[in-house]
Amino acid sequence: MLSNIGIYHYLTLALILFITGLCGVVLSKNVIKILISIEFMLAAVNINFTTFGLYCKNLAFDGYIFALFYIAIGAVELAIGLYIFYAMYREKQTSDIEDYGDV
């Protein structure tokens, strides 16, 4: 079993990933970059779920089950987001988010 000090390494990694994804969503103007940033945020949440599932004895496998559920949600979110982007790209022929304001 890992020591309790190791939990902070995982949580720090998750925090860095989440902040990177949040900055990408807020600052990016490209739709594909925004979708990738959302996936970074989902990866950070998955790291948190598995970390707490590993270190909290009363959760048993709940952290891992939530992580698998979140991976499925992330895959569906990405598929729907890419389809919406494809439909919008066919109409405007650009991936800049500012050009889609009047759609």
N, C-alpha and C. Protein backbone atom coordinates (compact mmCIF):
# COMPACT_ATOMS: atom_id res chain seq x y z
N MET A 1 0.84 -1.18 0.00
CA MET A 1 0.00 0.00 0.00
C MET A 1 0.88 1.24 0.00
N LEU A 2 0.49 2.21 -0.75
CA LEU A 2 1.25 3.44 -0.83
C LEU A 2 1.05 4.30 0.41
N SER A 3 2.01 5.14 0.70
CA SER A 3 1.87 6.01 1.87
C SER A 3 0.90 7.14 1.57
N ASN A 4 0.39 7.75 2.61
CA ASN A 4 -0.57 8.83 2.43
C ASN A 4 0.04 10.08 1.83
N ILE A 5 1.36 10.21 1.88
CA ILE A 5 2.00 11.37 1.27
C ILE A 5 1.92 11.29 -0.26
N GLY A 6 1.79 10.08 -0.80
CA GLY A 6 1.71 9.91 -2.25
C GLY A 6 0.43 10.43 -2.85
N ILE A 7 -0.59 10.59 -2.05
CA ILE A 7 -1.87 11.09 -2.56
C ILE A 7 -1.73 12.51 -3.10
N TYR A 8 -0.84 13.29 -2.50
CA TYR A 8 -0.68 14.67 -2.93
C TYR A 8 -0.05 14.77 -4.31
N HIS A 9 0.75 13.80 -4.68
CA HIS A 9 1.34 13.80 -6.02
C HIS A 9 0.24 13.60 -7.07
N TYR A 10 -0.65 12.67 -6.82
CA TYR A 10 -1.74 12.43 -7.76
C TYR A 10 -2.69 13.62 -7.83
N LEU A 11 -2.99 14.19 -6.68
CA LEU A 11 -3.91 15.33 -6.66
C LEU A 11 -3.27 16.57 -7.31
N THR A 12 -1.97 16.73 -7.16
CA THR A 12 -1.27 17.83 -7.83
C THR A 12 -1.29 17.64 -9.34
N LEU A 13 -1.05 16.43 -9.79
CA LEU A 13 -1.13 16.14 -11.22
C LEU A 13 -2.53 16.42 -11.75
N ALA A 14 -3.54 16.01 -11.02
CA ALA A 14 -4.92 16.25 -11.44
C ALA A 14 -5.23 17.74 -11.47
N LEU A 15 -4.72 18.49 -10.51
CA LEU A 15 -4.94 19.93 -10.47
C LEU A 15 -4.28 20.61 -11.66
N ILE A 16 -3.06 20.21 -11.98
CA ILE A 16 -2.36 20.79 -13.14
C ILE A 16 -3.11 20.48 -14.42
N LEU A 17 -3.56 19.25 -14.59
CA LEU A 17 -4.33 18.89 -15.78
C LEU A 17 -5.63 19.67 -15.86
N PHE A 18 -6.32 19.81 -14.74
CA PHE A 18 -7.60 20.52 -14.75
C PHE A 18 -7.41 22.00 -15.06
N ILE A 19 -6.39 22.63 -14.48
CA ILE A 19 -6.15 24.04 -14.76
C ILE A 19 -5.71 24.24 -16.21
N THR A 20 -4.92 23.32 -16.74
CA THR A 20 -4.54 23.39 -18.14
C THR A 20 -5.76 23.29 -19.05
N GLY A 21 -6.65 22.37 -18.75
CA GLY A 21 -7.87 22.24 -19.53
C GLY A 21 -8.77 23.45 -19.41
N LEU A 22 -8.89 23.98 -18.21
CA LEU A 22 -9.73 25.17 -18.00
C LEU A 22 -9.18 26.37 -18.74
N CYS A 23 -7.87 26.57 -18.71
CA CYS A 23 -7.27 27.66 -19.47
C CYS A 23 -7.46 27.46 -20.97
N GLY A 24 -7.37 26.23 -21.42
CA GLY A 24 -7.59 25.95 -22.84
C GLY A 24 -9.00 26.24 -23.27
N VAL A 25 -9.98 25.93 -22.43
CA VAL A 25 -11.38 26.20 -22.77
C VAL A 25 -11.64 27.71 -22.80
N VAL A 26 -11.09 28.41 -21.83
CA VAL A 26 -11.37 29.85 -21.72
C VAL A 26 -10.61 30.65 -22.77
N LEU A 27 -9.37 30.30 -23.05
CA LEU A 27 -8.53 31.12 -23.90
C LEU A 27 -8.53 30.73 -25.38
N SER A 28 -8.92 29.53 -25.70
CA SER A 28 -8.82 29.06 -27.08
C SER A 28 -10.02 29.52 -27.91
N LYS A 29 -9.75 29.75 -29.19
CA LYS A 29 -10.81 30.13 -30.12
C LYS A 29 -11.09 29.02 -31.14
N ASN A 30 -10.32 27.95 -31.08
CA ASN A 30 -10.49 26.84 -32.00
C ASN A 30 -11.35 25.77 -31.34
N VAL A 31 -12.32 25.27 -32.06
CA VAL A 31 -13.27 24.30 -31.50
C VAL A 31 -12.58 22.99 -31.12
N ILE A 32 -11.66 22.53 -31.93
CA ILE A 32 -10.96 21.28 -31.65
C ILE A 32 -10.11 21.42 -30.38
N LYS A 33 -9.45 22.57 -30.21
CA LYS A 33 -8.66 22.80 -29.00
C LYS A 33 -9.55 22.83 -27.77
N ILE A 34 -10.74 23.37 -27.90
CA ILE A 34 -11.67 23.41 -26.77
C ILE A 34 -12.10 21.99 -26.39
N LEU A 35 -12.38 21.15 -27.38
CA LEU A 35 -12.75 19.76 -27.09
C LEU A 35 -11.61 18.99 -26.43
N ILE A 36 -10.39 19.22 -26.89
CA ILE A 36 -9.24 18.56 -26.28
C ILE A 36 -9.04 19.04 -24.84
N SER A 37 -9.28 20.34 -24.60
CA SER A 37 -9.16 20.88 -23.25
C SER A 37 -10.21 20.28 -22.32
N ILE A 38 -11.40 20.05 -22.82
CA ILE A 38 -12.43 19.40 -22.02
C ILE A 38 -12.02 17.98 -21.68
N GLU A 39 -11.38 17.30 -22.60
CA GLU A 39 -10.89 15.96 -22.33
C GLU A 39 -9.79 15.97 -21.27
N PHE A 40 -8.94 17.01 -21.26
CA PHE A 40 -7.95 17.15 -20.19
C PHE A 40 -8.64 17.27 -18.83
N MET A 41 -9.70 18.06 -18.78
CA MET A 41 -10.44 18.23 -17.53
C MET A 41 -11.07 16.91 -17.10
N LEU A 42 -11.59 16.14 -18.04
CA LEU A 42 -12.16 14.83 -17.71
C LEU A 42 -11.08 13.87 -17.21
N ALA A 43 -9.88 13.94 -17.79
CA ALA A 43 -8.78 13.09 -17.32
C ALA A 43 -8.40 13.45 -15.90
N ALA A 44 -8.43 14.73 -15.56
CA ALA A 44 -8.12 15.15 -14.19
C ALA A 44 -9.15 14.61 -13.21
N VAL A 45 -10.40 14.63 -13.59
CA VAL A 45 -11.46 14.10 -12.72
C VAL A 45 -11.27 12.59 -12.55
N ASN A 46 -10.91 11.89 -13.62
CA ASN A 46 -10.66 10.45 -13.51
C ASN A 46 -9.49 10.15 -12.58
N ILE A 47 -8.44 10.96 -12.63
CA ILE A 47 -7.32 10.76 -11.72
C ILE A 47 -7.78 10.94 -10.28
N ASN A 48 -8.62 11.94 -10.03
CA ASN A 48 -9.14 12.14 -8.68
C ASN A 48 -9.98 10.96 -8.22
N PHE A 49 -10.85 10.46 -9.08
CA PHE A 49 -11.70 9.33 -8.71
C PHE A 49 -10.87 8.11 -8.35
N THR A 50 -9.89 7.79 -9.19
CA THR A 50 -9.08 6.60 -8.91
C THR A 50 -8.19 6.80 -7.70
N THR A 51 -7.71 8.01 -7.48
CA THR A 51 -6.88 8.28 -6.30
C THR A 51 -7.69 8.10 -5.02
N PHE A 52 -8.88 8.67 -4.99
CA PHE A 52 -9.69 8.51 -3.80
C PHE A 52 -10.19 7.08 -3.65
N GLY A 53 -10.38 6.37 -4.74
CA GLY A 53 -10.73 4.97 -4.66
C GLY A 53 -9.59 4.12 -4.11
N LEU A 54 -8.35 4.54 -4.36
CA LEU A 54 -7.19 3.82 -3.88
C LEU A 54 -6.92 4.09 -2.40
N TYR A 55 -7.10 5.33 -1.99
CA TYR A 55 -6.71 5.71 -0.64
C TYR A 55 -7.84 5.67 0.39
N CYS A 56 -9.07 5.67 -0.02
CA CYS A 56 -10.18 5.63 0.94
C CYS A 56 -10.71 4.21 1.04
N LYS A 57 -10.58 3.61 2.17
CA LYS A 57 -10.98 2.21 2.34
C LYS A 57 -12.49 2.03 2.33
N ASN A 58 -13.24 3.04 2.76
CA ASN A 58 -14.69 2.86 2.82
C ASN A 58 -15.36 3.02 1.46
N LEU A 59 -14.61 3.48 0.45
CA LEU A 59 -15.19 3.61 -0.88
C LEU A 59 -15.12 2.31 -1.68
N ALA A 60 -14.26 1.41 -1.30
CA ALA A 60 -14.04 0.13 -1.99
C ALA A 60 -13.73 0.40 -3.46
N PHE A 61 -14.62 -0.03 -4.36
CA PHE A 61 -14.38 0.15 -5.79
C PHE A 61 -15.18 1.30 -6.37
N ASP A 62 -15.80 2.12 -5.55
CA ASP A 62 -16.63 3.20 -6.07
C ASP A 62 -15.85 4.19 -6.92
N GLY A 63 -14.62 4.51 -6.52
CA GLY A 63 -13.81 5.45 -7.30
C GLY A 63 -13.51 4.91 -8.69
N TYR A 64 -13.22 3.62 -8.77
CA TYR A 64 -12.91 3.02 -10.06
C TYR A 64 -14.17 2.91 -10.93
N ILE A 65 -15.29 2.62 -10.32
CA ILE A 65 -16.55 2.52 -11.08
C ILE A 65 -16.93 3.89 -11.62
N PHE A 66 -16.79 4.93 -10.78
CA PHE A 66 -17.08 6.28 -11.26
C PHE A 66 -16.14 6.68 -12.38
N ALA A 67 -14.87 6.28 -12.29
CA ALA A 67 -13.90 6.60 -13.34
C ALA A 67 -14.28 5.94 -14.65
N LEU A 68 -14.68 4.67 -14.60
CA LEU A 68 -15.11 3.99 -15.83
C LEU A 68 -16.38 4.62 -16.40
N PHE A 69 -17.29 4.99 -15.55
CA PHE A 69 -18.50 5.66 -15.99
C PHE A 69 -18.17 7.00 -16.63
N TYR A 70 -17.22 7.72 -16.05
CA TYR A 70 -16.83 9.01 -16.58
C TYR A 70 -16.10 8.87 -17.91
N ILE A 71 -15.34 7.80 -18.10
CA ILE A 71 -14.70 7.55 -19.39
C ILE A 71 -15.76 7.34 -20.47
N ALA A 72 -16.80 6.61 -20.14
CA ALA A 72 -17.89 6.40 -21.10
C ALA A 72 -18.58 7.71 -21.43
N ILE A 73 -18.82 8.53 -20.42
CA ILE A 73 -19.44 9.84 -20.67
C ILE A 73 -18.53 10.70 -21.53
N GLY A 74 -17.23 10.65 -21.28
CA GLY A 74 -16.27 11.43 -22.07
C GLY A 74 -16.24 11.00 -23.52
N ALA A 75 -16.35 9.70 -23.78
CA ALA A 75 -16.37 9.22 -25.16
C ALA A 75 -17.62 9.68 -25.89
N VAL A 76 -18.75 9.62 -25.22
CA VAL A 76 -20.00 10.09 -25.82
C VAL A 76 -19.96 11.60 -26.05
N GLU A 77 -19.42 12.33 -25.08
CA GLU A 77 -19.30 13.78 -25.21
C GLU A 77 -18.42 14.15 -26.40
N LEU A 78 -17.32 13.45 -26.56
CA LEU A 78 -16.42 13.73 -27.67
C LEU A 78 -17.07 13.40 -29.01
N ALA A 79 -17.78 12.31 -29.09
CA ALA A 79 -18.45 11.95 -30.35
C ALA A 79 -19.51 12.97 -30.71
N ILE A 80 -20.31 13.39 -29.75
CA ILE A 80 -21.34 14.38 -30.02
C ILE A 80 -20.71 15.73 -30.38
N GLY A 81 -19.67 16.11 -29.64
CA GLY A 81 -18.99 17.37 -29.92
C GLY A 81 -18.36 17.40 -31.29
N LEU A 82 -17.74 16.30 -31.70
CA LEU A 82 -17.14 16.25 -33.04
C LEU A 82 -18.20 16.29 -34.13
N TYR A 83 -19.35 15.66 -33.89
CA TYR A 83 -20.42 15.71 -34.88
C TYR A 83 -20.97 17.14 -35.01
N ILE A 84 -21.15 17.81 -33.88
CA ILE A 84 -21.63 19.20 -33.93
C ILE A 84 -20.61 20.08 -34.64
N PHE A 85 -19.32 19.87 -34.34
CA PHE A 85 -18.29 20.64 -35.03
C PHE A 85 -18.31 20.36 -36.52
N TYR A 86 -18.47 19.11 -36.91
CA TYR A 86 -18.51 18.76 -38.33
C TYR A 86 -19.69 19.44 -39.03
N ALA A 87 -20.83 19.45 -38.38
CA ALA A 87 -22.01 20.10 -38.97
C ALA A 87 -21.80 21.61 -39.09
N MET A 88 -21.20 22.21 -38.08
CA MET A 88 -20.94 23.65 -38.14
C MET A 88 -19.85 23.97 -39.16
N TYR A 89 -18.84 23.13 -39.26
CA TYR A 89 -17.75 23.37 -40.20
C TYR A 89 -18.23 23.28 -41.65
N ARG A 90 -19.15 22.39 -41.90
CA ARG A 90 -19.68 22.27 -43.27
C ARG A 90 -20.39 23.55 -43.69
N GLU A 91 -20.99 24.25 -42.74
CA GLU A 91 -21.71 25.47 -43.08
C GLU A 91 -20.79 26.69 -43.21
N LYS A 92 -19.84 26.87 -42.29
CA LYS A 92 -19.01 28.07 -42.27
C LYS A 92 -17.61 27.88 -42.85
N GLN A 93 -17.12 26.66 -42.98
CA GLN A 93 -15.79 26.34 -43.50
C GLN A 93 -14.66 26.96 -42.66
N THR A 94 -14.84 27.05 -41.36
CA THR A 94 -13.80 27.55 -40.46
C THR A 94 -13.94 26.87 -39.10
N SER A 95 -12.82 26.84 -38.37
CA SER A 95 -12.86 26.25 -37.03
C SER A 95 -12.72 27.31 -35.94
N ASP A 96 -12.78 28.59 -36.31
CA ASP A 96 -12.69 29.67 -35.34
C ASP A 96 -14.04 29.86 -34.66
N ILE A 97 -14.05 29.84 -33.34
CA ILE A 97 -15.29 29.87 -32.58
C ILE A 97 -16.02 31.20 -32.72
N GLU A 98 -15.30 32.28 -33.01
CA GLU A 98 -15.93 33.60 -33.15
C GLU A 98 -16.80 33.70 -34.40
N ASP A 99 -16.55 32.88 -35.41
CA ASP A 99 -17.34 32.91 -36.64
C ASP A 99 -18.68 32.21 -36.50
N TYR A 100 -18.90 31.52 -35.39
CA TYR A 100 -20.15 30.79 -35.21
C TYR A 100 -21.17 31.54 -34.36
N GLY A 101 -20.96 32.82 -34.14
CA GLY A 101 -21.85 33.59 -33.28
C GLY A 101 -23.24 33.77 -33.85
N ASP A 102 -23.40 33.78 -35.17
CA ASP A 102 -24.70 34.02 -35.78
C ASP A 102 -25.36 32.77 -36.35
N VAL A 103 -24.91 31.61 -35.91
CA VAL A 103 -25.49 30.35 -36.41
C VAL A 103 -26.82 30.10 -35.76
